[in-house]
Amino acid sequence: MANRERNVGINIRVTPSEKKKIYRYAKKCRLTLSEYIRKVAVKDDPKVFIPKEIEDSFLRIRSVIRDMEEDKLMETDPVSRQILTDYSTNLLKIAIDTVQLMRNVNANSEVESDGND
């Protein structure tokens, strides 16, 4: 609906490397080039998403943790229950730590870029 109101164009000139960089940032935010440029221009910082493949990988890890939790409920041996608890807890912690590290690296790489991509 909002696109129907957008009937005025703004043309800008960029270098090929600037275009690649802008396109890459838009893709990271899962936005079209126009959407990304509009958000940046009006200082509405676009949210950077982790790549879809990594998101899918974390969903698979979460599925494994869920299976381990279900197995733990059915386990009668207390030692085995504790092992399953430890494994699922550690696996979840690794997944969370990895996401946090990725966000920090992603944020830092955007800020530290010198524009010569």
PDB file of N, CA and C in Angstrom:
ATOM      1  N   MET A   1       0.810  -1.195   0.000  1.00  0.00           N
ATOM      2  CA  MET A   1       0.000   0.000   0.000  1.00  0.00           C
ATOM      3  C   MET A   1       0.858   1.266   0.000  1.00  0.00           C
ATOM      4  N   ALA A   2       1.908   1.272   0.833  1.00  0.00           N
ATOM      5  CA  ALA A   2       2.768   2.454   0.924  1.00  0.00           C
ATOM      6  C   ALA A   2       3.491   2.719  -0.386  1.00  0.00           C
ATOM      7  N   ASN A   3       3.751   1.647  -1.164  1.00  0.00           N
ATOM      8  CA  ASN A   3       4.453   1.819  -2.433  1.00  0.00           C
ATOM      9  C   ASN A   3       3.656   2.679  -3.409  1.00  0.00           C
ATOM     10  N   ARG A   4       2.333   2.653  -3.311  1.00  0.00           N
ATOM     11  CA  ARG A   4       1.511   3.458  -4.213  1.00  0.00           C
ATOM     12  C   ARG A   4       1.702   4.947  -3.954  1.00  0.00           C
ATOM     13  N   GLU A   5       2.060   5.288  -2.729  1.00  0.00           N
ATOM     14  CA  GLU A   5       2.313   6.682  -2.386  1.00  0.00           C
ATOM     15  C   GLU A   5       3.713   7.108  -2.791  1.00  0.00           C
ATOM     16  N   ARG A   6       4.588   6.162  -3.001  1.00  0.00           N
ATOM     17  CA  ARG A   6       5.969   6.473  -3.359  1.00  0.00           C
ATOM     18  C   ARG A   6       6.076   6.584  -4.875  1.00  0.00           C
ATOM     19  N   ASN A   7       5.876   7.783  -5.366  1.00  0.00           N
ATOM     20  CA  ASN A   7       5.921   7.975  -6.809  1.00  0.00           C
ATOM     21  C   ASN A   7       6.941   9.024  -7.231  1.00  0.00           C
ATOM     22  N   VAL A   8       7.833   9.387  -6.295  1.00  0.00           N
ATOM     23  CA  VAL A   8       8.885  10.349  -6.601  1.00  0.00           C
ATOM     24  C   VAL A   8      10.222   9.641  -6.436  1.00  0.00           C
ATOM     25  N   GLY A   9      11.061   9.720  -7.456  1.00  0.00           N
ATOM     26  CA  GLY A   9      12.356   9.060  -7.415  1.00  0.00           C
ATOM     27  C   GLY A   9      13.467  10.000  -7.004  1.00  0.00           C
ATOM     28  N   ILE A  10      14.498   9.432  -6.413  1.00  0.00           N
ATOM     29  CA  ILE A  10      15.726  10.162  -6.093  1.00  0.00           C
ATOM     30  C   ILE A  10      16.856   9.346  -6.703  1.00  0.00           C
ATOM     31  N   ASN A  11      17.606   9.942  -7.584  1.00  0.00           N
ATOM     32  CA  ASN A  11      18.713   9.245  -8.228  1.00  0.00           C
ATOM     33  C   ASN A  11      20.031   9.684  -7.606  1.00  0.00           C
ATOM     34  N   ILE A  12      20.858   8.718  -7.279  1.00  0.00           N
ATOM     35  CA  ILE A  12      22.184   9.027  -6.745  1.00  0.00           C
ATOM     36  C   ILE A  12      23.218   8.245  -7.537  1.00  0.00           C
ATOM     37  N   ARG A  13      24.426   8.739  -7.536  1.00  0.00           N
ATOM     38  CA  ARG A  13      25.531   8.067  -8.213  1.00  0.00           C
ATOM     39  C   ARG A  13      26.456   7.472  -7.168  1.00  0.00           C
ATOM     40  N   VAL A  14      26.845   6.231  -7.391  1.00  0.00           N
ATOM     41  CA  VAL A  14      27.775   5.545  -6.489  1.00  0.00           C
ATOM     42  C   VAL A  14      28.793   4.802  -7.339  1.00  0.00           C
ATOM     43  N   THR A  15      29.889   4.451  -6.716  1.00  0.00           N
ATOM     44  CA  THR A  15      30.886   3.631  -7.412  1.00  0.00           C
ATOM     45  C   THR A  15      30.409   2.178  -7.407  1.00  0.00           C
ATOM     46  N   PRO A  16      30.973   1.344  -8.278  1.00  0.00           N
ATOM     47  CA  PRO A  16      30.598  -0.078  -8.248  1.00  0.00           C
ATOM     48  C   PRO A  16      30.837  -0.728  -6.890  1.00  0.00           C
ATOM     49  N   SER A  17      31.940  -0.366  -6.219  1.00  0.00           N
ATOM     50  CA  SER A  17      32.200  -0.972  -4.908  1.00  0.00           C
ATOM     51  C   SER A  17      31.208  -0.466  -3.863  1.00  0.00           C
ATOM     52  N   GLU A  18      30.800   0.790  -3.942  1.00  0.00           N
ATOM     53  CA  GLU A  18      29.785   1.304  -3.020  1.00  0.00           C
ATOM     54  C   GLU A  18      28.453   0.593  -3.234  1.00  0.00           C
ATOM     55  N   LYS A  19      28.111   0.368  -4.488  1.00  0.00           N
ATOM     56  CA  LYS A  19      26.855  -0.320  -4.802  1.00  0.00           C
ATOM     57  C   LYS A  19      26.861  -1.733  -4.216  1.00  0.00           C
ATOM     58  N   LYS A  20      27.983  -2.441  -4.369  1.00  0.00           N
ATOM     59  CA  LYS A  20      28.092  -3.798  -3.806  1.00  0.00           C
ATOM     60  C   LYS A  20      27.941  -3.767  -2.297  1.00  0.00           C
ATOM     61  N   LYS A  21      28.588  -2.796  -1.682  1.00  0.00           N
ATOM     62  CA  LYS A  21      28.550  -2.683  -0.224  1.00  0.00           C
ATOM     63  C   LYS A  21      27.129  -2.379   0.261  1.00  0.00           C
ATOM     64  N   ILE A  22      26.466  -1.434  -0.373  1.00  0.00           N
ATOM     65  CA  ILE A  22      25.098  -1.080   0.008  1.00  0.00           C
ATOM     66  C   ILE A  22      24.172  -2.283  -0.199  1.00  0.00           C
ATOM     67  N   TYR A  23      24.319  -2.952  -1.329  1.00  0.00           N
ATOM     68  CA  TYR A  23      23.500  -4.135  -1.611  1.00  0.00           C
ATOM     69  C   TYR A  23      23.740  -5.224  -0.561  1.00  0.00           C
ATOM     70  N   ARG A  24      25.009  -5.440  -0.203  1.00  0.00           N
ATOM     71  CA  ARG A  24      25.350  -6.464   0.792  1.00  0.00           C
ATOM     72  C   ARG A  24      24.709  -6.139   2.144  1.00  0.00           C
ATOM     73  N   TYR A  25      24.759  -4.878   2.574  1.00  0.00           N
ATOM     74  CA  TYR A  25      24.141  -4.482   3.835  1.00  0.00           C
ATOM     75  C   TYR A  25      22.627  -4.674   3.778  1.00  0.00           C
ATOM     76  N   ALA A  26      22.028  -4.315   2.649  1.00  0.00           N
ATOM     77  CA  ALA A  26      20.576  -4.496   2.497  1.00  0.00           C
ATOM     78  C   ALA A  26      20.206  -5.971   2.619  1.00  0.00           C
ATOM     79  N   LYS A  27      21.004  -6.819   1.991  1.00  0.00           N
ATOM     80  CA  LYS A  27      20.744  -8.256   2.036  1.00  0.00           C
ATOM     81  C   LYS A  27      20.858  -8.781   3.463  1.00  0.00           C
ATOM     82  N   LYS A  28      21.859  -8.312   4.211  1.00  0.00           N
ATOM     83  CA  LYS A  28      22.029  -8.729   5.610  1.00  0.00           C
ATOM     84  C   LYS A  28      20.821  -8.343   6.453  1.00  0.00           C
ATOM     85  N   CYS A  29      20.170  -7.250   6.080  1.00  0.00           N
ATOM     86  CA  CYS A  29      18.995  -6.776   6.811  1.00  0.00           C
ATOM     87  C   CYS A  29      17.697  -7.358   6.240  1.00  0.00           C
ATOM     88  N   ARG A  30      17.839  -8.177   5.208  1.00  0.00           N
ATOM     89  CA  ARG A  30      16.697  -8.790   4.518  1.00  0.00           C
ATOM     90  C   ARG A  30      15.725  -7.730   4.001  1.00  0.00           C
ATOM     91  N   LEU A  31      16.316  -6.684   3.403  1.00  0.00           N
ATOM     92  CA  LEU A  31      15.537  -5.596   2.820  1.00  0.00           C
ATOM     93  C   LEU A  31      15.903  -5.445   1.348  1.00  0.00           C
ATOM     94  N   THR A  32      14.994  -4.862   0.585  1.00  0.00           N
ATOM     95  CA  THR A  32      15.352  -4.507  -0.788  1.00  0.00           C
ATOM     96  C   THR A  32      16.315  -3.328  -0.706  1.00  0.00           C
ATOM     97  N   LEU A  33      16.977  -3.061  -1.805  1.00  0.00           N
ATOM     98  CA  LEU A  33      17.907  -1.936  -1.849  1.00  0.00           C
ATOM     99  C   LEU A  33      17.179  -0.636  -1.511  1.00  0.00           C
ATOM    100  N   SER A  34      16.010  -0.438  -2.097  1.00  0.00           N
ATOM    101  CA  SER A  34      15.233   0.782  -1.833  1.00  0.00           C
ATOM    102  C   SER A  34      14.817   0.886  -0.377  1.00  0.00           C
ATOM    103  N   GLU A  35      14.337  -0.214   0.194  1.00  0.00           N
ATOM    104  CA  GLU A  35      13.921  -0.195   1.598  1.00  0.00           C
ATOM    105  C   GLU A  35      15.103   0.154   2.505  1.00  0.00           C
ATOM    106  N   TYR A  36      16.252  -0.464   2.220  1.00  0.00           N
ATOM    107  CA  TYR A  36      17.441  -0.226   3.034  1.00  0.00           C
ATOM    108  C   TYR A  36      17.866   1.244   2.956  1.00  0.00           C
ATOM    109  N   ILE A  37      17.951   1.777   1.755  1.00  0.00           N
ATOM    110  CA  ILE A  37      18.391   3.163   1.574  1.00  0.00           C
ATOM    111  C   ILE A  37      17.413   4.124   2.249  1.00  0.00           C
ATOM    112  N   ARG A  38      16.097   3.858   2.129  1.00  0.00           N
ATOM    113  CA  ARG A  38      15.111   4.710   2.796  1.00  0.00           C
ATOM    114  C   ARG A  38      15.322   4.698   4.311  1.00  0.00           C
ATOM    115  N   LYS A  39      15.512   3.510   4.903  1.00  0.00           N
ATOM    116  CA  LYS A  39      15.696   3.412   6.354  1.00  0.00           C
ATOM    117  C   LYS A  39      16.954   4.153   6.803  1.00  0.00           C
ATOM    118  N   VAL A  40      18.033   3.982   6.073  1.00  0.00           N
ATOM    119  CA  VAL A  40      19.276   4.650   6.444  1.00  0.00           C
ATOM    120  C   VAL A  40      19.128   6.166   6.292  1.00  0.00           C
ATOM    121  N   ALA A  41      18.472   6.591   5.237  1.00  0.00           N
ATOM    122  CA  ALA A  41      18.332   8.024   4.963  1.00  0.00           C
ATOM    123  C   ALA A  41      17.510   8.741   6.032  1.00  0.00           C
ATOM    124  N   VAL A  42      16.535   8.045   6.615  1.00  0.00           N
ATOM    125  CA  VAL A  42      15.709   8.674   7.641  1.00  0.00           C
ATOM    126  C   VAL A  42      16.153   8.272   9.052  1.00  0.00           C
ATOM    127  N   LYS A  43      17.366   7.731   9.143  1.00  0.00           N
ATOM    128  CA  LYS A  43      17.994   7.327  10.409  1.00  0.00           C
ATOM    129  C   LYS A  43      17.150   6.319  11.178  1.00  0.00           C
ATOM    130  N   ASP A  44      16.535   5.404  10.462  1.00  0.00           N
ATOM    131  CA  ASP A  44      15.791   4.288  11.048  1.00  0.00           C
ATOM    132  C   ASP A  44      16.681   3.065  10.873  1.00  0.00           C
ATOM    133  N   ASP A  45      17.645   2.894  11.799  1.00  0.00           N
ATOM    134  CA  ASP A  45      18.660   1.852  11.660  1.00  0.00           C
ATOM    135  C   ASP A  45      18.038   0.488  11.355  1.00  0.00           C
ATOM    136  N   PRO A  46      18.352  -0.059  10.192  1.00  0.00           N
ATOM    137  CA  PRO A  46      17.825  -1.384   9.860  1.00  0.00           C
ATOM    138  C   PRO A  46      18.499  -2.468  10.694  1.00  0.00           C
ATOM    139  N   LYS A  47      17.726  -3.468  11.048  1.00  0.00           N
ATOM    140  CA  LYS A  47      18.228  -4.574  11.865  1.00  0.00           C
ATOM    141  C   LYS A  47      18.968  -5.567  10.976  1.00  0.00           C
ATOM    142  N   VAL A  48      20.166  -5.949  11.397  1.00  0.00           N
ATOM    143  CA  VAL A  48      20.953  -6.941  10.667  1.00  0.00           C
ATOM    144  C   VAL A  48      20.578  -8.325  11.188  1.00  0.00           C
ATOM    145  N   PHE A  49      20.244  -9.217  10.279  1.00  0.00           N
ATOM    146  CA  PHE A  49      19.876 -10.581  10.634  1.00  0.00           C
ATOM    147  C   PHE A  49      21.046 -11.514  10.376  1.00  0.00           C
ATOM    148  N   ILE A  50      21.104 -12.591  11.149  1.00  0.00           N
ATOM    149  CA  ILE A  50      22.099 -13.605  10.843  1.00  0.00           C
ATOM    150  C   ILE A  50      21.651 -14.301   9.568  1.00  0.00           C
ATOM    151  N   PRO A  51      22.587 -14.841   8.795  1.00  0.00           N
ATOM    152  CA  PRO A  51      22.221 -15.518   7.552  1.00  0.00           C
ATOM    153  C   PRO A  51      21.215 -16.651   7.806  1.00  0.00           C
ATOM    154  N   LYS A  52      20.331 -16.857   6.847  1.00  0.00           N
ATOM    155  CA  LYS A  52      19.269 -17.865   6.952  1.00  0.00           C
ATOM    156  C   LYS A  52      19.839 -19.255   7.213  1.00  0.00           C
ATOM    157  N   GLU A  53      20.960 -19.591   6.594  1.00  0.00           N
ATOM    158  CA  GLU A  53      21.568 -20.912   6.779  1.00  0.00           C
ATOM    159  C   GLU A  53      21.983 -21.129   8.233  1.00  0.00           C
ATOM    160  N   ILE A  54      22.499 -20.079   8.854  1.00  0.00           N
ATOM    161  CA  ILE A  54      22.917 -20.188  10.254  1.00  0.00           C
ATOM    162  C   ILE A  54      21.689 -20.264  11.157  1.00  0.00           C
ATOM    163  N   GLU A  55      20.682 -19.490  10.827  1.00  0.00           N
ATOM    164  CA  GLU A  55      19.433 -19.550  11.584  1.00  0.00           C
ATOM    165  C   GLU A  55      18.851 -20.970  11.531  1.00  0.00           C
ATOM    166  N   ASP A  56      18.849 -21.577  10.358  1.00  0.00           N
ATOM    167  CA  ASP A  56      18.362 -22.952  10.209  1.00  0.00           C
ATOM    168  C   ASP A  56      19.193 -23.930  11.027  1.00  0.00           C
ATOM    169  N   SER A  57      20.497 -23.712  11.054  1.00  0.00           N
ATOM    170  CA  SER A  57      21.387 -24.572  11.833  1.00  0.00           C
ATOM    171  C   SER A  57      21.053 -24.489  13.320  1.00  0.00           C
ATOM    172  N   PHE A  58      20.803 -23.282  13.817  1.00  0.00           N
ATOM    173  CA  PHE A  58      20.434 -23.131  15.222  1.00  0.00           C
ATOM    174  C   PHE A  58      19.086 -23.783  15.523  1.00  0.00           C
ATOM    175  N   LEU A  59      18.175 -23.737  14.570  1.00  0.00           N
ATOM    176  CA  LEU A  59      16.888 -24.414  14.774  1.00  0.00           C
ATOM    177  C   LEU A  59      17.087 -25.925  14.877  1.00  0.00           C
ATOM    178  N   ARG A  60      18.019 -26.462  14.093  1.00  0.00           N
ATOM    179  CA  ARG A  60      18.314 -27.897  14.184  1.00  0.00           C
ATOM    180  C   ARG A  60      18.950 -28.228  15.543  1.00  0.00           C
ATOM    181  N   ILE A  61      19.832 -27.351  16.022  1.00  0.00           N
ATOM    182  CA  ILE A  61      20.436 -27.560  17.341  1.00  0.00           C
ATOM    183  C   ILE A  61      19.336 -27.556  18.405  1.00  0.00           C
ATOM    184  N   ARG A  62      18.420 -26.616  18.302  1.00  0.00           N
ATOM    185  CA  ARG A  62      17.322 -26.536  19.269  1.00  0.00           C
ATOM    186  C   ARG A  62      16.473 -27.809  19.227  1.00  0.00           C
ATOM    187  N   SER A  63      16.286 -28.370  18.061  1.00  0.00           N
ATOM    188  CA  SER A  63      15.530 -29.618  17.918  1.00  0.00           C
ATOM    189  C   SER A  63      16.244 -30.772  18.628  1.00  0.00           C
ATOM    190  N   VAL A  64      17.569 -30.829  18.491  1.00  0.00           N
ATOM    191  CA  VAL A  64      18.354 -31.867  19.171  1.00  0.00           C
ATOM    192  C   VAL A  64      18.227 -31.698  20.689  1.00  0.00           C
ATOM    193  N   ILE A  65      18.300 -30.458  21.170  1.00  0.00           N
ATOM    194  CA  ILE A  65      18.164 -30.202  22.604  1.00  0.00           C
ATOM    195  C   ILE A  65      16.786 -30.653  23.081  1.00  0.00           C
ATOM    196  N   ARG A  66      15.760 -30.345  22.311  1.00  0.00           N
ATOM    197  CA  ARG A  66      14.400 -30.751  22.669  1.00  0.00           C
ATOM    198  C   ARG A  66      14.296 -32.280  22.753  1.00  0.00           C
ATOM    199  N   ASP A  67      14.899 -32.981  21.795  1.00  0.00           N
ATOM    200  CA  ASP A  67      14.898 -34.446  21.821  1.00  0.00           C
ATOM    201  C   ASP A  67      15.608 -34.982  23.059  1.00  0.00           C
ATOM    202  N   MET A  68      16.718 -34.339  23.413  1.00  0.00           N
ATOM    203  CA  MET A  68      17.459 -34.769  24.601  1.00  0.00           C
ATOM    204  C   MET A  68      16.628 -34.553  25.866  1.00  0.00           C
ATOM    205  N   GLU A  69      15.904 -33.454  25.919  1.00  0.00           N
ATOM    206  CA  GLU A  69      15.051 -33.180  27.076  1.00  0.00           C
ATOM    207  C   GLU A  69      13.940 -34.227  27.185  1.00  0.00           C
ATOM    208  N   GLU A  70      13.371 -34.622  26.045  1.00  0.00           N
ATOM    209  CA  GLU A  70      12.339 -35.661  26.048  1.00  0.00           C
ATOM    210  C   GLU A  70      12.925 -36.999  26.483  1.00  0.00           C
ATOM    211  N   ASP A  71      14.116 -37.316  25.994  1.00  0.00           N
ATOM    212  CA  ASP A  71      14.777 -38.569  26.404  1.00  0.00           C
ATOM    213  C   ASP A  71      15.059 -38.571  27.906  1.00  0.00           C
ATOM    214  N   LYS A  72      15.437 -37.407  28.417  1.00  0.00           N
ATOM    215  CA  LYS A  72      15.741 -37.292  29.841  1.00  0.00           C
ATOM    216  C   LYS A  72      14.505 -37.618  30.687  1.00  0.00           C
ATOM    217  N   LEU A  73      13.338 -37.177  30.244  1.00  0.00           N
ATOM    218  CA  LEU A  73      12.105 -37.434  30.989  1.00  0.00           C
ATOM    219  C   LEU A  73      11.769 -38.921  31.044  1.00  0.00           C
ATOM    220  N   MET A  74      12.176 -39.653  30.022  1.00  0.00           N
ATOM    221  CA  MET A  74      11.882 -41.081  29.962  1.00  0.00           C
ATOM    222  C   MET A  74      12.966 -41.930  30.619  1.00  0.00           C
ATOM    223  N   GLU A  75      14.097 -41.317  30.900  1.00  0.00           N
ATOM    224  CA  GLU A  75      15.237 -42.050  31.464  1.00  0.00           C
ATOM    225  C   GLU A  75      15.003 -42.307  32.956  1.00  0.00           C
ATOM    226  N   THR A  76      15.272 -43.538  33.387  1.00  0.00           N
ATOM    227  CA  THR A  76      15.089 -43.887  34.805  1.00  0.00           C
ATOM    228  C   THR A  76      16.399 -43.830  35.584  1.00  0.00           C
ATOM    229  N   ASP A  77      17.500 -43.976  34.895  1.00  0.00           N
ATOM    230  CA  ASP A  77      18.799 -43.960  35.569  1.00  0.00           C
ATOM    231  C   ASP A  77      19.197 -42.510  35.869  1.00  0.00           C
ATOM    232  N   PRO A  78      19.436 -42.168  37.148  1.00  0.00           N
ATOM    233  CA  PRO A  78      19.769 -40.786  37.506  1.00  0.00           C
ATOM    234  C   PRO A  78      21.066 -40.282  36.877  1.00  0.00           C
ATOM    235  N   VAL A  79      22.035 -41.174  36.711  1.00  0.00           N
ATOM    236  CA  VAL A  79      23.303 -40.763  36.095  1.00  0.00           C
ATOM    237  C   VAL A  79      23.068 -40.396  34.623  1.00  0.00           C
ATOM    238  N   SER A  80      22.312 -41.216  33.932  1.00  0.00           N
ATOM    239  CA  SER A  80      22.003 -40.935  32.523  1.00  0.00           C
ATOM    240  C   SER A  80      21.186 -39.648  32.396  1.00  0.00           C
ATOM    241  N   ARG A  81      20.258 -39.433  33.304  1.00  0.00           N
ATOM    242  CA  ARG A  81      19.462 -38.195  33.295  1.00  0.00           C
ATOM    243  C   ARG A  81      20.362 -36.977  33.460  1.00  0.00           C
ATOM    244  N   GLN A  82      21.320 -37.083  34.356  1.00  0.00           N
ATOM    245  CA  GLN A  82      22.227 -35.956  34.598  1.00  0.00           C
ATOM    246  C   GLN A  82      23.111 -35.699  33.376  1.00  0.00           C
ATOM    247  N   ILE A  83      23.568 -36.760  32.748  1.00  0.00           N
ATOM    248  CA  ILE A  83      24.388 -36.614  31.533  1.00  0.00           C
ATOM    249  C   ILE A  83      23.591 -35.898  30.448  1.00  0.00           C
ATOM    250  N   LEU A  84      22.343 -36.310  30.233  1.00  0.00           N
ATOM    251  CA  LEU A  84      21.494 -35.659  29.225  1.00  0.00           C
ATOM    252  C   LEU A  84      21.251 -34.191  29.584  1.00  0.00           C
ATOM    253  N   THR A  85      21.048 -33.916  30.853  1.00  0.00           N
ATOM    254  CA  THR A  85      20.857 -32.530  31.296  1.00  0.00           C
ATOM    255  C   THR A  85      22.109 -31.702  31.016  1.00  0.00           C
ATOM    256  N   ASP A  86      23.251 -32.247  31.369  1.00  0.00           N
ATOM    257  CA  ASP A  86      24.513 -31.526  31.142  1.00  0.00           C
ATOM    258  C   ASP A  86      24.757 -31.261  29.662  1.00  0.00           C
ATOM    259  N   TYR A  87      24.540 -32.288  28.843  1.00  0.00           N
ATOM    260  CA  TYR A  87      24.754 -32.119  27.406  1.00  0.00           C
ATOM    261  C   TYR A  87      23.810 -31.070  26.816  1.00  0.00           C
ATOM    262  N   SER A  88      22.542 -31.152  27.150  1.00  0.00           N
ATOM    263  CA  SER A  88      21.585 -30.200  26.567  1.00  0.00           C
ATOM    264  C   SER A  88      21.860 -28.779  27.061  1.00  0.00           C
ATOM    265  N   THR A  89      22.226 -28.635  28.340  1.00  0.00           N
ATOM    266  CA  THR A  89      22.555 -27.313  28.884  1.00  0.00           C
ATOM    267  C   THR A  89      23.784 -26.729  28.191  1.00  0.00           C
ATOM    268  N   ASN A  90      24.805 -27.540  28.032  1.00  0.00           N
ATOM    269  CA  ASN A  90      26.032 -27.065  27.378  1.00  0.00           C
ATOM    270  C   ASN A  90      25.800 -26.745  25.902  1.00  0.00           C
ATOM    271  N   LEU A  91      25.025 -27.553  25.232  1.00  0.00           N
ATOM    272  CA  LEU A  91      24.729 -27.312  23.816  1.00  0.00           C
ATOM    273  C   LEU A  91      23.959 -26.001  23.645  1.00  0.00           C
ATOM    274  N   LEU A  92      22.997 -25.749  24.507  1.00  0.00           N
ATOM    275  CA  LEU A  92      22.244 -24.501  24.448  1.00  0.00           C
ATOM    276  C   LEU A  92      23.159 -23.306  24.742  1.00  0.00           C
ATOM    277  N   LYS A  93      24.036 -23.438  25.719  1.00  0.00           N
ATOM    278  CA  LYS A  93      24.965 -22.347  26.043  1.00  0.00           C
ATOM    279  C   LYS A  93      25.894 -22.041  24.862  1.00  0.00           C
ATOM    280  N   ILE A  94      26.380 -23.075  24.220  1.00  0.00           N
ATOM    281  CA  ILE A  94      27.240 -22.873  23.046  1.00  0.00           C
ATOM    282  C   ILE A  94      26.480 -22.142  21.945  1.00  0.00           C
ATOM    283  N   ALA A  95      25.248 -22.542  21.697  1.00  0.00           N
ATOM    284  CA  ALA A  95      24.434 -21.898  20.658  1.00  0.00           C
ATOM    285  C   ALA A  95      24.218 -20.422  20.989  1.00  0.00           C
ATOM    286  N   ILE A  96      23.880 -20.124  22.244  1.00  0.00           N
ATOM    287  CA  ILE A  96      23.649 -18.732  22.655  1.00  0.00           C
ATOM    288  C   ILE A  96      24.939 -17.920  22.555  1.00  0.00           C
ATOM    289  N   ASP A  97      26.032 -18.466  23.039  1.00  0.00           N
ATOM    290  CA  ASP A  97      27.328 -17.769  22.956  1.00  0.00           C
ATOM    291  C   ASP A  97      27.717 -17.495  21.508  1.00  0.00           C
ATOM    292  N   THR A  98      27.455 -18.450  20.631  1.00  0.00           N
ATOM    293  CA  THR A  98      27.795 -18.289  19.216  1.00  0.00           C
ATOM    294  C   THR A  98      26.986 -17.152  18.584  1.00  0.00           C
ATOM    295  N   VAL A  99      25.697 -17.091  18.882  1.00  0.00           N
ATOM    296  CA  VAL A  99      24.863 -16.005  18.347  1.00  0.00           C
ATOM    297  C   VAL A  99      25.370 -14.656  18.851  1.00  0.00           C
ATOM    298  N   GLN A 100      25.706 -14.577  20.129  1.00  0.00           N
ATOM    299  CA  GLN A 100      26.207 -13.313  20.679  1.00  0.00           C
ATOM    300  C   GLN A 100      27.531 -12.910  20.036  1.00  0.00           C
ATOM    301  N   LEU A 101      28.407 -13.862  19.826  1.00  0.00           N
ATOM    302  CA  LEU A 101      29.675 -13.570  19.154  1.00  0.00           C
ATOM    303  C   LEU A 101      29.441 -13.093  17.728  1.00  0.00           C
ATOM    304  N   MET A 102      28.524 -13.732  17.026  1.00  0.00           N
ATOM    305  CA  MET A 102      28.226 -13.336  15.646  1.00  0.00           C
ATOM    306  C   MET A 102      27.674 -11.921  15.598  1.00  0.00           C
ATOM    307  N   ARG A 103      26.813 -11.575  16.534  1.00  0.00           N
ATOM    308  CA  ARG A 103      26.246 -10.224  16.555  1.00  0.00           C
ATOM    309  C   ARG A 103      27.328  -9.185  16.810  1.00  0.00           C
ATOM    310  N   ASN A 104      28.249  -9.481  17.732  1.00  0.00           N
ATOM    311  CA  ASN A 104      29.339  -8.541  18.016  1.00  0.00           C
ATOM    312  C   ASN A 104      30.267  -8.389  16.830  1.00  0.00           C
ATOM    313  N   VAL A 105      30.616  -9.488  16.187  1.00  0.00           N
ATOM    314  CA  VAL A 105      31.487  -9.428  15.018  1.00  0.00           C
ATOM    315  C   VAL A 105      30.789  -8.675  13.903  1.00  0.00           C
ATOM    316  N   ASN A 106      29.512  -8.953  13.700  1.00  0.00           N
ATOM    317  CA  ASN A 106      28.741  -8.300  12.650  1.00  0.00           C
ATOM    318  C   ASN A 106      28.664  -6.798  12.898  1.00  0.00           C
ATOM    319  N   ALA A 107      28.365  -6.395  14.140  1.00  0.00           N
ATOM    320  CA  ALA A 107      28.269  -4.973  14.459  1.00  0.00           C
ATOM    321  C   ALA A 107      29.620  -4.292  14.310  1.00  0.00           C
ATOM    322  N   ASN A 108      30.677  -4.932  14.799  1.00  0.00           N
ATOM    323  CA  ASN A 108      32.010  -4.334  14.710  1.00  0.00           C
ATOM    324  C   ASN A 108      32.491  -4.235  13.278  1.00  0.00           C
ATOM    325  N   SER A 109      32.192  -5.227  12.450  1.00  0.00           N
ATOM    326  CA  SER A 109      32.662  -5.190  11.072  1.00  0.00           C
ATOM    327  C   SER A 109      31.974  -4.081  10.288  1.00  0.00           C
ATOM    328  N   GLU A 110      30.723  -3.760  10.646  1.00  0.00           N
ATOM    329  CA  GLU A 110      30.023  -2.678   9.957  1.00  0.00           C
ATOM    330  C   GLU A 110      30.654  -1.340  10.322  1.00  0.00           C
ATOM    331  N   VAL A 111      31.024  -1.164  11.573  1.00  0.00           N
ATOM    332  CA  VAL A 111      31.560   0.103  12.040  1.00  0.00           C
ATOM    333  C   VAL A 111      32.997   0.300  11.576  1.00  0.00           C
ATOM    334  N   GLU A 112      33.774  -0.763  11.577  1.00  0.00           N
ATOM    335  CA  GLU A 112      35.200  -0.648  11.265  1.00  0.00           C
ATOM    336  C   GLU A 112      35.493  -0.626   9.771  1.00  0.00           C
ATOM    337  N   SER A 113      34.504  -0.850   8.954  1.00  0.00           N
ATOM    338  CA  SER A 113      34.731  -0.890   7.511  1.00  0.00           C
ATOM    339  C   SER A 113      35.224   0.471   7.015  1.00  0.00           C
ATOM    340  N   ASP A 114      36.217   0.441   6.142  1.00  0.00           N
ATOM    341  CA  ASP A 114      36.762   1.700   5.624  1.00  0.00           C
ATOM    342  C   ASP A 114      36.154   2.102   4.287  1.00  0.00           C
ATOM    343  N   GLY A 115      35.174   1.318   3.800  1.00  0.00           N
ATOM    344  CA  GLY A 115      34.499   1.654   2.557  1.00  0.00           C
ATOM    345  C   GLY A 115      35.208   1.169   1.317  1.00  0.00           C
ATOM    346  N   ASN A 116      36.304   0.469   1.445  1.00  0.00           N
ATOM    347  CA  ASN A 116      37.054  -0.004   0.288  1.00  0.00           C
ATOM    348  C   ASN A 116      36.773  -1.464  -0.009  1.00  0.00           C
ATOM    349  N   ASP A 117      35.514  -1.863   0.079  1.00  0.00           N
ATOM    350  CA  ASP A 117      35.134  -3.247  -0.216  1.00  0.00           C
ATOM    351  C   ASP A 117      35.044  -3.472  -1.704  1.00  0.00           C
TER     352      ASP A 117
END
